[in-house]
Amino acid sequence: MSEPAPLQPSPERLERRAVLLLLMLVALVGATAVYLLHARGVFESTQRLVLMADDSEGVVVGMDLTFSGFPIGRVARIELAEDGNARILVDVSRKDAHWLRTSSVFTLSRGLVGNTSIRAYSGILTDPLLPDGAQRKVLAGDASAEMPRLVSAARELVANLTTLTAADAALAGMLANTRSVTAKLDQPGGAMGLLTGNPKDAARVMATLDRTNQLLARVDGLVRKADAQVFGPQGLAVDTQATVRQVQALLGDARGSLRKVDALLEEAQGVASNARVASADLGTLRAEVEASLRKVEHLVNEVNRRWPLARDTELKLP
């Protein structure tokens, strides 16, 4: 018995399947495009920022604007301004726009290998927010542009080092002079010889210093001897003080005698009948006063003999 032949699908059914498969493919492609657009922030609310640069070398559409290493915006278009500068239009997400302030600084840096980045810096976050459509000057920093200057500076530095280390350079002469000075310092009396310039003058200076030290020692001895003679236990100052005390005592006796004379004179004037007695007493007192004055004169002469002083030694009676 023979097997039955398989059923063939009709052309209409095959056409419907092909159309359905094509629609599913178109839907898949559309969903993928929508997802990519959403992922790139096409449907996200943004505000426009215009950055002015001298040139847009290295800047491409779709490049990120970063803040602290995080992308907060994307380059939407690059235009040529009327003044010849480049206008970089950046779309900044509104949810990240609060990081941009009126005092923010924008930089465009180019590395040595060609990578370019746009960065934003906000030092004072309490400043007003950056308005929509704001235009700011971007600061460009090209690392490769500094290479010629660095090479020129390095070449100049090498040339200066070569000049300094040459055999006839000033540095070599200074090192030779330093070596000779060190050799002189190592010799006996080297420092003095270095200051004076020759050994003879150094010997003279040393001899002068020795004589000066001897003279100072003698002066010191004389000062100590004078100190002992004047202020010592048996010195002249002690004798002078004792003599002064004796003079003061004698002067006190003289003042007492003079007071007695005054009293007797008053009595003599008041009592005429006792004139003889008073006259005899006055003679005795006068003799005592003269004896006291002679003692004072003798002590004053003794003081002048031991310690000459410019002093008036005359004693006047009242």
C-alpha atoms as a PDB file:
ATOM      1  CA  MET A   1       0.000   0.000   0.000  1.00  0.00           C
ATOM      2  CA  SER A   2       1.579   3.369  -0.998  1.00  0.00           C
ATOM      3  CA  GLU A   3       2.024   6.382   1.523  1.00  0.00           C
ATOM      4  CA  PRO A   4      -0.060   9.545   1.037  1.00  0.00           C
ATOM      5  CA  ALA A   5       1.750  12.640  -0.400  1.00  0.00           C
ATOM      6  CA  PRO A   6       2.386  15.606   2.120  1.00  0.00           C
ATOM      7  CA  LEU A   7       0.100  18.564   1.899  1.00  0.00           C
ATOM      8  CA  GLN A   8       1.601  21.665   0.274  1.00  0.00           C
ATOM      9  CA  PRO A   9       0.750  25.102   1.859  1.00  0.00           C
ATOM     10  CA  SER A  10      -1.154  27.386  -0.309  1.00  0.00           C
ATOM     11  CA  PRO A  11       0.518  30.476  -1.798  1.00  0.00           C
ATOM     12  CA  GLU A  12      -1.797  32.786   0.159  1.00  0.00           C
ATOM     13  CA  ARG A  13      -0.691  31.253   3.457  1.00  0.00           C
ATOM     14  CA  LEU A  14       2.982  31.595   2.607  1.00  0.00           C
ATOM     15  CA  GLU A  15       2.465  35.214   1.719  1.00  0.00           C
ATOM     16  CA  ARG A  16       0.781  35.928   5.041  1.00  0.00           C
ATOM     17  CA  ARG A  17       3.652  34.311   6.924  1.00  0.00           C
ATOM     18  CA  ALA A  18       6.224  36.351   5.015  1.00  0.00           C
ATOM     19  CA  VAL A  19       4.353  39.577   5.700  1.00  0.00           C
ATOM     20  CA  LEU A  20       4.059  38.677   9.386  1.00  0.00           C
ATOM     21  CA  LEU A  21       7.769  37.905   9.608  1.00  0.00           C
ATOM     22  CA  LEU A  22       8.607  41.157   7.863  1.00  0.00           C
ATOM     23  CA  LEU A  23       6.391  43.114  10.266  1.00  0.00           C
ATOM     24  CA  MET A  24       8.022  41.482  13.273  1.00  0.00           C
ATOM     25  CA  LEU A  25      11.450  42.362  11.880  1.00  0.00           C
ATOM     26  CA  VAL A  26      10.404  45.990  11.332  1.00  0.00           C
ATOM     27  CA  ALA A  27       8.972  46.156  14.860  1.00  0.00           C
ATOM     28  CA  LEU A  28      12.150  44.713  16.302  1.00  0.00           C
ATOM     29  CA  VAL A  29      14.270  47.228  14.423  1.00  0.00           C
ATOM     30  CA  GLY A  30      12.000  50.084  15.523  1.00  0.00           C
ATOM     31  CA  ALA A  31      12.071  48.968  19.153  1.00  0.00           C
ATOM     32  CA  THR A  32      15.837  48.749  19.016  1.00  0.00           C
ATOM     33  CA  ALA A  33      16.070  52.239  17.517  1.00  0.00           C
ATOM     34  CA  VAL A  34      13.705  53.653  20.135  1.00  0.00           C
ATOM     35  CA  TYR A  35      15.702  51.980  22.924  1.00  0.00           C
ATOM     36  CA  LEU A  36      18.961  53.368  21.559  1.00  0.00           C
ATOM     37  CA  LEU A  37      17.500  56.845  21.243  1.00  0.00           C
ATOM     38  CA  HIS A  38      16.162  56.625  24.788  1.00  0.00           C
ATOM     39  CA  ALA A  39      19.504  55.370  26.044  1.00  0.00           C
ATOM     40  CA  ARG A  40      21.247  58.295  24.378  1.00  0.00           C
ATOM     41  CA  GLY A  41      18.816  60.747  26.001  1.00  0.00           C
ATOM     42  CA  VAL A  42      16.988  61.814  22.848  1.00  0.00           C
ATOM     43  CA  PHE A  43      13.655  61.854  24.638  1.00  0.00           C
ATOM     44  CA  GLU A  44      15.087  63.425  27.790  1.00  0.00           C
ATOM     45  CA  SER A  45      14.412  67.088  28.602  1.00  0.00           C
ATOM     46  CA  THR A  46      17.546  69.164  27.977  1.00  0.00           C
ATOM     47  CA  GLN A  47      18.740  72.743  27.918  1.00  0.00           C
ATOM     48  CA  ARG A  48      21.147  74.273  25.450  1.00  0.00           C
ATOM     49  CA  LEU A  49      24.688  75.432  26.276  1.00  0.00           C
ATOM     50  CA  VAL A  50      26.888  77.233  23.736  1.00  0.00           C
ATOM     51  CA  LEU A  51      30.640  76.941  24.136  1.00  0.00           C
ATOM     52  CA  MET A  52      32.917  79.245  22.127  1.00  0.00           C
ATOM     53  CA  ALA A  53      36.371  77.908  21.185  1.00  0.00           C
ATOM     54  CA  ASP A  54      39.200  79.080  18.939  1.00  0.00           C
ATOM     55  CA  ASP A  55      38.913  75.856  16.937  1.00  0.00           C
ATOM     56  CA  SER A  56      36.947  72.619  17.146  1.00  0.00           C
ATOM     57  CA  GLU A  57      39.790  70.245  16.364  1.00  0.00           C
ATOM     58  CA  GLY A  58      39.111  66.885  18.009  1.00  0.00           C
ATOM     59  CA  VAL A  59      35.501  67.752  18.885  1.00  0.00           C
ATOM     60  CA  VAL A  60      32.844  65.501  17.332  1.00  0.00           C
ATOM     61  CA  VAL A  61      29.090  65.355  17.567  1.00  0.00           C
ATOM     62  CA  GLY A  62      28.029  63.048  20.383  1.00  0.00           C
ATOM     63  CA  MET A  63      31.039  63.849  22.588  1.00  0.00           C
ATOM     64  CA  ASP A  64      30.180  63.999  26.294  1.00  0.00           C
ATOM     65  CA  LEU A  65      30.419  67.040  28.546  1.00  0.00           C
ATOM     66  CA  THR A  66      31.682  65.709  31.882  1.00  0.00           C
ATOM     67  CA  PHE A  67      31.479  67.050  35.403  1.00  0.00           C
ATOM     68  CA  SER A  68      33.615  65.311  38.053  1.00  0.00           C
ATOM     69  CA  GLY A  69      34.067  62.449  35.614  1.00  0.00           C
ATOM     70  CA  PHE A  70      30.314  61.924  34.958  1.00  0.00           C
ATOM     71  CA  PRO A  71      28.637  62.809  31.626  1.00  0.00           C
ATOM     72  CA  ILE A  72      25.986  65.494  32.074  1.00  0.00           C
ATOM     73  CA  GLY A  73      25.629  66.661  28.458  1.00  0.00           C
ATOM     74  CA  ARG A  74      26.374  65.796  24.846  1.00  0.00           C
ATOM     75  CA  VAL A  75      27.635  67.778  21.849  1.00  0.00           C
ATOM     76  CA  ALA A  76      24.658  68.224  19.474  1.00  0.00           C
ATOM     77  CA  ARG A  77      26.157  70.381  16.743  1.00  0.00           C
ATOM     78  CA  ILE A  78      29.297  72.279  15.789  1.00  0.00           C
ATOM     79  CA  GLU A  79      29.011  75.568  13.930  1.00  0.00           C
ATOM     80  CA  LEU A  80      31.334  78.270  12.619  1.00  0.00           C
ATOM     81  CA  ALA A  81      30.579  81.668  14.134  1.00  0.00           C
ATOM     82  CA  GLU A  82      30.729  84.964  12.258  1.00  0.00           C
ATOM     83  CA  ASP A  83      33.948  85.972  14.055  1.00  0.00           C
ATOM     84  CA  GLY A  84      35.707  82.794  12.913  1.00  0.00           C
ATOM     85  CA  ASN A  85      35.438  80.934  16.221  1.00  0.00           C
ATOM     86  CA  ALA A  86      33.816  77.557  16.664  1.00  0.00           C
ATOM     87  CA  ARG A  87      30.394  77.330  18.335  1.00  0.00           C
ATOM     88  CA  ILE A  88      29.926  74.010  20.144  1.00  0.00           C
ATOM     89  CA  LEU A  89      26.239  73.417  20.923  1.00  0.00           C
ATOM     90  CA  VAL A  90      25.848  71.137  23.936  1.00  0.00           C
ATOM     91  CA  ASP A  91      22.571  69.631  25.167  1.00  0.00           C
ATOM     92  CA  VAL A  92      22.658  69.332  28.970  1.00  0.00           C
ATOM     93  CA  SER A  93      20.181  67.111  30.769  1.00  0.00           C
ATOM     94  CA  ARG A  94      17.895  69.166  32.990  1.00  0.00           C
ATOM     95  CA  LYS A  95      18.250  66.690  35.853  1.00  0.00           C
ATOM     96  CA  ASP A  96      22.023  67.362  35.806  1.00  0.00           C
ATOM     97  CA  ALA A  97      21.861  71.067  34.901  1.00  0.00           C
ATOM     98  CA  HIS A  98      21.956  72.096  38.585  1.00  0.00           C
ATOM     99  CA  TRP A  99      25.686  71.318  38.604  1.00  0.00           C
ATOM    100  CA  LEU A 100      26.313  74.198  36.192  1.00  0.00           C
ATOM    101  CA  ARG A 101      26.445  77.684  37.739  1.00  0.00           C
ATOM    102  CA  THR A 102      27.101  81.163  36.398  1.00  0.00           C
ATOM    103  CA  SER A 103      30.667  80.915  37.719  1.00  0.00           C
ATOM    104  CA  SER A 104      31.369  77.523  36.108  1.00  0.00           C
ATOM    105  CA  VAL A 105      34.480  77.115  33.951  1.00  0.00           C
ATOM    106  CA  PHE A 106      34.607  74.932  30.818  1.00  0.00           C
ATOM    107  CA  THR A 107      37.809  73.456  29.421  1.00  0.00           C
ATOM    108  CA  LEU A 108      38.673  71.730  26.148  1.00  0.00           C
ATOM    109  CA  SER A 109      41.774  69.571  26.616  1.00  0.00           C
ATOM    110  CA  ARG A 110      43.609  67.618  23.948  1.00  0.00           C
ATOM    111  CA  GLY A 111      45.948  64.802  24.910  1.00  0.00           C
ATOM    112  CA  LEU A 112      49.165  63.665  23.295  1.00  0.00           C
ATOM    113  CA  VAL A 113      47.493  60.705  21.570  1.00  0.00           C
ATOM    114  CA  GLY A 114      44.634  62.740  20.128  1.00  0.00           C
ATOM    115  CA  ASN A 115      41.848  62.139  22.661  1.00  0.00           C
ATOM    116  CA  THR A 116      39.817  65.290  23.354  1.00  0.00           C
ATOM    117  CA  SER A 117      37.487  65.956  26.279  1.00  0.00           C
ATOM    118  CA  ILE A 118      35.208  68.767  27.413  1.00  0.00           C
ATOM    119  CA  ARG A 119      34.982  69.287  31.183  1.00  0.00           C
ATOM    120  CA  ALA A 120      32.979  71.579  33.428  1.00  0.00           C
ATOM    121  CA  TYR A 121      34.162  72.884  36.805  1.00  0.00           C
ATOM    122  CA  SER A 122      31.866  74.568  39.352  1.00  0.00           C
ATOM    123  CA  GLY A 123      33.743  75.900  42.331  1.00  0.00           C
ATOM    124  CA  ILE A 124      30.879  77.737  44.065  1.00  0.00           C
ATOM    125  CA  LEU A 125      27.677  75.697  44.006  1.00  0.00           C
ATOM    126  CA  THR A 126      25.729  78.470  45.764  1.00  0.00           C
ATOM    127  CA  ASP A 127      25.909  80.757  42.709  1.00  0.00           C
ATOM    128  CA  PRO A 128      22.844  81.152  40.473  1.00  0.00           C
ATOM    129  CA  LEU A 129      22.060  78.353  38.018  1.00  0.00           C
ATOM    130  CA  LEU A 130      23.323  78.628  34.454  1.00  0.00           C
ATOM    131  CA  PRO A 131      20.396  79.775  32.290  1.00  0.00           C
ATOM    132  CA  ASP A 132      19.192  77.944  29.188  1.00  0.00           C
ATOM    133  CA  GLY A 133      21.022  79.063  26.035  1.00  0.00           C
ATOM    134  CA  ALA A 134      23.959  80.557  27.972  1.00  0.00           C
ATOM    135  CA  GLN A 135      27.135  81.201  26.002  1.00  0.00           C
ATOM    136  CA  ARG A 136      30.507  80.656  27.640  1.00  0.00           C
ATOM    137  CA  LYS A 137      34.130  80.834  26.518  1.00  0.00           C
ATOM    138  CA  VAL A 138      35.880  77.482  26.694  1.00  0.00           C
ATOM    139  CA  LEU A 139      39.491  77.315  27.870  1.00  0.00           C
ATOM    140  CA  ALA A 140      41.621  75.198  25.532  1.00  0.00           C
ATOM    141  CA  GLY A 141      44.617  73.226  26.709  1.00  0.00           C
ATOM    142  CA  ASP A 142      46.669  71.398  24.086  1.00  0.00           C
ATOM    143  CA  ALA A 143      49.388  69.170  25.542  1.00  0.00           C
ATOM    144  CA  SER A 144      51.031  68.652  22.153  1.00  0.00           C
ATOM    145  CA  ALA A 145      51.377  72.428  21.692  1.00  0.00           C
ATOM    146  CA  GLU A 146      53.668  72.540  24.726  1.00  0.00           C
ATOM    147  CA  MET A 147      56.074  69.958  23.295  1.00  0.00           C
ATOM    148  CA  PRO A 148      58.144  72.412  21.173  1.00  0.00           C
ATOM    149  CA  ARG A 149      58.554  74.746  24.132  1.00  0.00           C
ATOM    150  CA  LEU A 150      59.567  71.878  26.397  1.00  0.00           C
ATOM    151  CA  VAL A 151      62.077  70.600  23.844  1.00  0.00           C
ATOM    152  CA  SER A 152      63.533  74.102  23.454  1.00  0.00           C
ATOM    153  CA  ALA A 153      63.790  74.526  27.235  1.00  0.00           C
ATOM    154  CA  ALA A 154      65.451  71.108  27.578  1.00  0.00           C
ATOM    155  CA  ARG A 155      67.934  71.973  24.833  1.00  0.00           C
ATOM    156  CA  GLU A 156      68.769  75.281  26.542  1.00  0.00           C
ATOM    157  CA  LEU A 157      69.196  73.487  29.879  1.00  0.00           C
ATOM    158  CA  VAL A 158      71.580  70.945  28.357  1.00  0.00           C
ATOM    159  CA  ALA A 159      73.592  73.761  26.761  1.00  0.00           C
ATOM    160  CA  ASN A 160      73.856  75.583  30.095  1.00  0.00           C
ATOM    161  CA  LEU A 161      74.967  72.396  31.854  1.00  0.00           C
ATOM    162  CA  THR A 162      77.591  71.821  29.184  1.00  0.00           C
ATOM    163  CA  THR A 163      78.892  75.366  29.631  1.00  0.00           C
ATOM    164  CA  LEU A 164      79.014  74.998  33.405  1.00  0.00           C
ATOM    165  CA  THR A 165      80.884  71.676  33.325  1.00  0.00           C
ATOM    166  CA  ALA A 166      83.467  72.756  30.740  1.00  0.00           C
ATOM    167  CA  ALA A 167      87.147  72.682  31.735  1.00  0.00           C
ATOM    168  CA  ASP A 168      87.548  76.452  31.359  1.00  0.00           C
ATOM    169  CA  ALA A 169      84.221  77.315  32.952  1.00  0.00           C
ATOM    170  CA  ALA A 170      83.827  79.509  36.033  1.00  0.00           C
ATOM    171  CA  LEU A 171      82.549  76.542  38.030  1.00  0.00           C
ATOM    172  CA  ALA A 172      85.786  74.623  37.474  1.00  0.00           C
ATOM    173  CA  GLY A 173      87.836  77.649  38.571  1.00  0.00           C
ATOM    174  CA  MET A 174      85.686  78.076  41.669  1.00  0.00           C
ATOM    175  CA  LEU A 175      86.151  74.395  42.564  1.00  0.00           C
ATOM    176  CA  ALA A 176      89.925  74.745  42.132  1.00  0.00           C
ATOM    177  CA  ASN A 177      89.974  77.794  44.405  1.00  0.00           C
ATOM    178  CA  THR A 178      87.910  75.943  46.962  1.00  0.00           C
ATOM    179  CA  ARG A 179      90.346  73.034  46.855  1.00  0.00           C
ATOM    180  CA  SER A 180      93.321  75.367  47.440  1.00  0.00           C
ATOM    181  CA  VAL A 181      91.545  77.107  50.323  1.00  0.00           C
ATOM    182  CA  THR A 182      90.806  73.737  51.929  1.00  0.00           C
ATOM    183  CA  ALA A 183      94.454  72.734  51.576  1.00  0.00           C
ATOM    184  CA  LYS A 184      95.547  75.950  53.330  1.00  0.00           C
ATOM    185  CA  LEU A 185      93.063  75.370  56.144  1.00  0.00           C
ATOM    186  CA  ASP A 186      94.508  71.893  56.749  1.00  0.00           C
ATOM    187  CA  GLN A 187      97.968  73.377  57.470  1.00  0.00           C
ATOM    188  CA  PRO A 188      99.012  74.668  60.957  1.00  0.00           C
ATOM    189  CA  GLY A 189      97.669  78.167  61.396  1.00  0.00           C
ATOM    190  CA  GLY A 190      95.784  77.769  58.161  1.00  0.00           C
ATOM    191  CA  ALA A 191      92.863  80.060  59.005  1.00  0.00           C
ATOM    192  CA  MET A 192      95.152  82.931  60.060  1.00  0.00           C
ATOM    193  CA  GLY A 193      97.378  82.414  57.042  1.00  0.00           C
ATOM    194  CA  LEU A 194      94.324  82.445  54.804  1.00  0.00           C
ATOM    195  CA  LEU A 195      93.172  85.757  56.305  1.00  0.00           C
ATOM    196  CA  THR A 196      96.562  87.497  56.206  1.00  0.00           C
ATOM    197  CA  GLY A 197      97.768  86.080  52.903  1.00  0.00           C
ATOM    198  CA  ASN A 198     101.301  84.982  53.946  1.00  0.00           C
ATOM    199  CA  PRO A 199     102.930  83.120  56.902  1.00  0.00           C
ATOM    200  CA  LYS A 200     104.987  86.140  58.078  1.00  0.00           C
ATOM    201  CA  ASP A 201     101.947  88.329  58.618  1.00  0.00           C
ATOM    202  CA  ALA A 202     100.185  85.422  60.322  1.00  0.00           C
ATOM    203  CA  ALA A 203     103.167  85.044  62.744  1.00  0.00           C
ATOM    204  CA  ARG A 204     103.047  88.785  63.477  1.00  0.00           C
ATOM    205  CA  VAL A 205      99.344  88.662  64.226  1.00  0.00           C
ATOM    206  CA  MET A 206      99.834  85.686  66.543  1.00  0.00           C
ATOM    207  CA  ALA A 207     102.691  87.467  68.373  1.00  0.00           C
ATOM    208  CA  THR A 208     100.524  90.571  68.752  1.00  0.00           C
ATOM    209  CA  LEU A 209      97.729  88.470  70.184  1.00  0.00           C
ATOM    210  CA  ASP A 210     100.123  86.854  72.679  1.00  0.00           C
ATOM    211  CA  ARG A 211     101.401  90.255  73.844  1.00  0.00           C
ATOM    212  CA  THR A 212      97.857  91.502  74.137  1.00  0.00           C
ATOM    213  CA  ASN A 213      96.937  88.514  76.306  1.00  0.00           C
ATOM    214  CA  GLN A 214      99.970  89.150  78.561  1.00  0.00           C
ATOM    215  CA  LEU A 215      99.047  92.836  78.887  1.00  0.00           C
ATOM    216  CA  LEU A 216      95.471  91.936  79.751  1.00  0.00           C
ATOM    217  CA  ALA A 217      96.736  89.484  82.393  1.00  0.00           C
ATOM    218  CA  ARG A 218      98.900  92.233  83.968  1.00  0.00           C
ATOM    219  CA  VAL A 219      96.017  94.694  83.905  1.00  0.00           C
ATOM    220  CA  ASP A 220      93.807  92.089  85.504  1.00  0.00           C
ATOM    221  CA  GLY A 221      96.373  91.573  88.290  1.00  0.00           C
ATOM    222  CA  LEU A 222      96.651  95.314  88.900  1.00  0.00           C
ATOM    223  CA  VAL A 223      92.876  95.636  89.080  1.00  0.00           C
ATOM    224  CA  ARG A 224      92.636  92.808  91.614  1.00  0.00           C
ATOM    225  CA  LYS A 225      95.459  94.344  93.706  1.00  0.00           C
ATOM    226  CA  ALA A 226      93.832  97.785  93.664  1.00  0.00           C
ATOM    227  CA  ASP A 227      90.522  96.222  94.604  1.00  0.00           C
ATOM    228  CA  ALA A 228      92.124  94.466  97.568  1.00  0.00           C
ATOM    229  CA  GLN A 229      93.915  97.639  98.730  1.00  0.00           C
ATOM    230  CA  VAL A 230      90.854  99.838  98.463  1.00  0.00           C
ATOM    231  CA  PHE A 231      87.906  97.569  99.283  1.00  0.00           C
ATOM    232  CA  GLY A 232      89.640  94.733 101.184  1.00  0.00           C
ATOM    233  CA  PRO A 233      89.351  94.057 104.960  1.00  0.00           C
ATOM    234  CA  GLN A 234      92.436  96.248 105.612  1.00  0.00           C
ATOM    235  CA  GLY A 235      91.783  98.552 102.686  1.00  0.00           C
ATOM    236  CA  LEU A 236      91.733 102.300 102.518  1.00  0.00           C
ATOM    237  CA  ALA A 237      87.940 102.439 102.235  1.00  0.00           C
ATOM    238  CA  VAL A 238      87.509 100.770 105.655  1.00  0.00           C
ATOM    239  CA  ASP A 239      89.979 103.177 107.320  1.00  0.00           C
ATOM    240  CA  THR A 240      88.285 106.123 105.667  1.00  0.00           C
ATOM    241  CA  GLN A 241      84.874 105.013 106.930  1.00  0.00           C
ATOM    242  CA  ALA A 242      86.204 104.672 110.501  1.00  0.00           C
ATOM    243  CA  THR A 243      87.839 108.116 110.312  1.00  0.00           C
ATOM    244  CA  VAL A 244      84.617 109.638 109.001  1.00  0.00           C
ATOM    245  CA  ARG A 245      82.703 108.123 111.917  1.00  0.00           C
ATOM    246  CA  GLN A 246      85.230 109.627 114.377  1.00  0.00           C
ATOM    247  CA  VAL A 247      84.909 113.022 112.698  1.00  0.00           C
ATOM    248  CA  GLN A 248      81.135 112.805 112.953  1.00  0.00           C
ATOM    249  CA  ALA A 249      81.427 111.990 116.685  1.00  0.00           C
ATOM    250  CA  LEU A 250      83.780 114.938 117.291  1.00  0.00           C
ATOM    251  CA  LEU A 251      81.490 117.237 115.337  1.00  0.00           C
ATOM    252  CA  GLY A 252      78.626 116.077 117.542  1.00  0.00           C
ATOM    253  CA  ASP A 253      80.687 116.940 120.653  1.00  0.00           C
ATOM    254  CA  ALA A 254      81.446 120.343 119.164  1.00  0.00           C
ATOM    255  CA  ARG A 255      77.777 121.011 118.478  1.00  0.00           C
ATOM    256  CA  GLY A 256      76.950 120.063 122.084  1.00  0.00           C
ATOM    257  CA  SER A 257      79.642 122.404 123.404  1.00  0.00           C
ATOM    258  CA  LEU A 258      78.356 125.219 121.236  1.00  0.00           C
ATOM    259  CA  ARG A 259      74.821 124.682 122.554  1.00  0.00           C
ATOM    260  CA  LYS A 260      76.200 124.950 126.078  1.00  0.00           C
ATOM    261  CA  VAL A 261      77.955 128.206 125.124  1.00  0.00           C
ATOM    262  CA  ASP A 262      74.703 129.616 123.783  1.00  0.00           C
ATOM    263  CA  ALA A 263      72.883 128.690 126.976  1.00  0.00           C
ATOM    264  CA  LEU A 264      75.568 130.287 129.137  1.00  0.00           C
ATOM    265  CA  LEU A 265      75.538 133.438 127.049  1.00  0.00           C
ATOM    266  CA  GLU A 266      71.827 133.732 127.538  1.00  0.00           C
ATOM    267  CA  GLU A 267      72.274 133.281 131.282  1.00  0.00           C
ATOM    268  CA  ALA A 268      75.086 135.852 131.276  1.00  0.00           C
ATOM    269  CA  GLN A 269      72.907 138.382 129.546  1.00  0.00           C
ATOM    270  CA  GLY A 270      69.971 137.712 131.875  1.00  0.00           C
ATOM    271  CA  VAL A 271      71.841 137.535 135.205  1.00  0.00           C
ATOM    272  CA  ALA A 272      74.387 140.327 135.635  1.00  0.00           C
ATOM    273  CA  SER A 273      75.296 139.253 139.138  1.00  0.00           C
ATOM    274  CA  ASN A 274      76.786 135.963 137.963  1.00  0.00           C
ATOM    275  CA  ALA A 275      78.956 137.526 135.234  1.00  0.00           C
ATOM    276  CA  ARG A 276      82.262 136.369 136.732  1.00  0.00           C
ATOM    277  CA  VAL A 277      81.111 132.809 137.188  1.00  0.00           C
ATOM    278  CA  ALA A 278      79.704 132.776 133.690  1.00  0.00           C
ATOM    279  CA  SER A 279      82.932 134.250 132.302  1.00  0.00           C
ATOM    280  CA  ALA A 280      84.985 131.520 134.021  1.00  0.00           C
ATOM    281  CA  ASP A 281      82.658 128.854 132.680  1.00  0.00           C
ATOM    282  CA  LEU A 282      82.847 130.383 129.229  1.00  0.00           C
ATOM    283  CA  GLY A 283      86.628 130.227 129.317  1.00  0.00           C
ATOM    284  CA  THR A 284      86.531 126.564 130.253  1.00  0.00           C
ATOM    285  CA  LEU A 285      84.025 125.769 127.540  1.00  0.00           C
ATOM    286  CA  ARG A 286      86.020 127.769 125.044  1.00  0.00           C
ATOM    287  CA  ALA A 287      89.069 125.651 125.842  1.00  0.00           C
ATOM    288  CA  GLU A 288      87.030 122.472 125.387  1.00  0.00           C
ATOM    289  CA  VAL A 289      85.723 123.712 122.027  1.00  0.00           C
ATOM    290  CA  GLU A 290      89.213 124.575 120.834  1.00  0.00           C
ATOM    291  CA  ALA A 291      90.483 121.131 121.921  1.00  0.00           C
ATOM    292  CA  SER A 292      87.613 119.482 119.998  1.00  0.00           C
ATOM    293  CA  LEU A 293      88.366 121.571 116.920  1.00  0.00           C
ATOM    294  CA  ARG A 294      92.049 120.618 117.055  1.00  0.00           C
ATOM    295  CA  LYS A 295      91.061 116.943 117.190  1.00  0.00           C
ATOM    296  CA  VAL A 296      88.764 117.441 114.185  1.00  0.00           C
ATOM    297  CA  GLU A 297      91.530 119.218 112.273  1.00  0.00           C
ATOM    298  CA  HIS A 298      93.945 116.395 113.106  1.00  0.00           C
ATOM    299  CA  LEU A 299      91.457 113.747 111.848  1.00  0.00           C
ATOM    300  CA  VAL A 300      90.736 115.728 108.666  1.00  0.00           C
ATOM    301  CA  ASN A 301      94.457 115.989 107.956  1.00  0.00           C
ATOM    302  CA  GLU A 302      94.800 112.258 108.561  1.00  0.00           C
ATOM    303  CA  VAL A 303      91.952 111.581 106.075  1.00  0.00           C
ATOM    304  CA  ASN A 304      93.559 113.822 103.457  1.00  0.00           C
ATOM    305  CA  ARG A 305      96.877 112.050 103.940  1.00  0.00           C
ATOM    306  CA  ARG A 306      95.379 108.570 103.418  1.00  0.00           C
ATOM    307  CA  TRP A 307      92.795 109.455 100.738  1.00  0.00           C
ATOM    308  CA  PRO A 308      93.329 112.803  99.043  1.00  0.00           C
ATOM    309  CA  LEU A 309      89.976 114.468  98.636  1.00  0.00           C
ATOM    310  CA  ALA A 310      89.122 117.911  97.238  1.00  0.00           C
ATOM    311  CA  ARG A 311      87.271 119.171 100.308  1.00  0.00           C
ATOM    312  CA  ASP A 312      87.140 122.421 102.254  1.00  0.00           C
ATOM    313  CA  THR A 313      88.496 121.589 105.751  1.00  0.00           C
ATOM    314  CA  GLU A 314      87.927 125.026 107.258  1.00  0.00           C
ATOM    315  CA  LEU A 315      85.536 124.981 110.219  1.00  0.00           C
ATOM    316  CA  LYS A 316      83.878 128.292 111.066  1.00  0.00           C
ATOM    317  CA  LEU A 317      82.524 129.001 114.508  1.00  0.00           C
ATOM    318  CA  PRO A 318      79.258 130.848 114.957  1.00  0.00           C
END
